[in-house]
Amino acid sequence: MSPEYENLINSMTILYITVVWVFIMTVMYGFGCTPTHRYYSLIRDGIHIRIRSESSEI
């Protein structure tokens, strides 16, 4: 594949993920359940736990 084509696919993927994320946030906001900060902390803690467990296995 040509580099231009790969760049196009990468940018389209990022755009698609962004659109889906905004859509999910809009739907959640419409339903009145916006615990986004709780989700962010859960994701952050999950990443920290995963990194900690992986580093302890080494």
C-alpha atoms as a PDB file:
ATOM      1  CA  MET A   1       0.000   0.000   0.000  1.00  0.00           C
ATOM      2  CA  SER A   2       1.142   3.530  -0.722  1.00  0.00           C
ATOM      3  CA  PRO A   3       1.931   5.798   2.275  1.00  0.00           C
ATOM      4  CA  GLU A   4      -0.733   8.278   1.151  1.00  0.00           C
ATOM      5  CA  TYR A   5      -3.355   5.540   1.311  1.00  0.00           C
ATOM      6  CA  GLU A   6      -2.231   4.438   4.781  1.00  0.00           C
ATOM      7  CA  ASN A   7      -2.347   8.048   6.016  1.00  0.00           C
ATOM      8  CA  LEU A   8      -5.874   8.375   4.655  1.00  0.00           C
ATOM      9  CA  ILE A   9      -6.972   5.201   6.446  1.00  0.00           C
ATOM     10  CA  ASN A  10      -5.377   6.373   9.707  1.00  0.00           C
ATOM     11  CA  SER A  11      -7.053   9.781   9.557  1.00  0.00           C
ATOM     12  CA  MET A  12     -10.410   8.209   8.675  1.00  0.00           C
ATOM     13  CA  THR A  13     -10.094   5.779  11.593  1.00  0.00           C
ATOM     14  CA  ILE A  14      -9.323   8.614  14.031  1.00  0.00           C
ATOM     15  CA  LEU A  15     -12.222  10.629  12.625  1.00  0.00           C
ATOM     16  CA  TYR A  16     -14.576   7.648  12.935  1.00  0.00           C
ATOM     17  CA  ILE A  17     -13.571   6.961  16.547  1.00  0.00           C
ATOM     18  CA  THR A  18     -14.031  10.648  17.399  1.00  0.00           C
ATOM     19  CA  VAL A  19     -17.487  10.755  15.807  1.00  0.00           C
ATOM     20  CA  VAL A  20     -18.572   7.572  17.604  1.00  0.00           C
ATOM     21  CA  TRP A  21     -17.227   8.901  20.944  1.00  0.00           C
ATOM     22  CA  VAL A  22     -19.057  12.222  20.521  1.00  0.00           C
ATOM     23  CA  PHE A  23     -22.229  10.350  19.527  1.00  0.00           C
ATOM     24  CA  ILE A  24     -22.055   8.127  22.625  1.00  0.00           C
ATOM     25  CA  MET A  25     -21.448  11.149  24.868  1.00  0.00           C
ATOM     26  CA  THR A  26     -24.374  13.002  23.254  1.00  0.00           C
ATOM     27  CA  VAL A  27     -26.714  10.050  23.740  1.00  0.00           C
ATOM     28  CA  MET A  28     -25.636   9.666  27.375  1.00  0.00           C
ATOM     29  CA  TYR A  29     -26.097  13.401  27.912  1.00  0.00           C
ATOM     30  CA  GLY A  30     -29.559  13.149  26.361  1.00  0.00           C
ATOM     31  CA  PHE A  31     -30.493  10.367  28.792  1.00  0.00           C
ATOM     32  CA  GLY A  32     -29.281  12.555  31.655  1.00  0.00           C
ATOM     33  CA  CYS A  33     -26.649  10.085  32.850  1.00  0.00           C
ATOM     34  CA  THR A  34     -23.337  11.894  32.508  1.00  0.00           C
ATOM     35  CA  PRO A  35     -20.921  10.121  34.876  1.00  0.00           C
ATOM     36  CA  THR A  36     -18.143  10.822  32.402  1.00  0.00           C
ATOM     37  CA  HIS A  37     -15.703  11.854  35.113  1.00  0.00           C
ATOM     38  CA  ARG A  38     -16.399   8.550  36.864  1.00  0.00           C
ATOM     39  CA  TYR A  39     -15.729   6.670  33.615  1.00  0.00           C
ATOM     40  CA  TYR A  40     -12.509   8.608  33.105  1.00  0.00           C
ATOM     41  CA  SER A  41     -11.304   7.737  36.613  1.00  0.00           C
ATOM     42  CA  LEU A  42     -12.316   4.093  36.135  1.00  0.00           C
ATOM     43  CA  ILE A  43     -10.427   3.917  32.834  1.00  0.00           C
ATOM     44  CA  ARG A  44      -7.433   5.688  34.366  1.00  0.00           C
ATOM     45  CA  ASP A  45      -7.412   3.331  37.367  1.00  0.00           C
ATOM     46  CA  GLY A  46      -7.804   0.340  35.044  1.00  0.00           C
ATOM     47  CA  ILE A  47      -4.795   1.450  32.988  1.00  0.00           C
ATOM     48  CA  HIS A  48      -2.756   2.038  36.151  1.00  0.00           C
ATOM     49  CA  ILE A  49      -3.721  -1.378  37.537  1.00  0.00           C
ATOM     50  CA  ARG A  50      -2.849  -3.044  34.227  1.00  0.00           C
ATOM     51  CA  ILE A  51       0.538  -1.287  34.082  1.00  0.00           C
ATOM     52  CA  ARG A  52       1.217  -2.156  37.725  1.00  0.00           C
ATOM     53  CA  SER A  53       0.315  -5.835  37.224  1.00  0.00           C
ATOM     54  CA  GLU A  54       2.411  -6.063  34.046  1.00  0.00           C
ATOM     55  CA  SER A  55       5.419  -4.425  35.680  1.00  0.00           C
ATOM     56  CA  SER A  56       5.138  -6.702  38.733  1.00  0.00           C
ATOM     57  CA  GLU A  57       5.130  -9.789  36.488  1.00  0.00           C
ATOM     58  CA  ILE A  58       8.500  -8.813  35.016  1.00  0.00           C
END
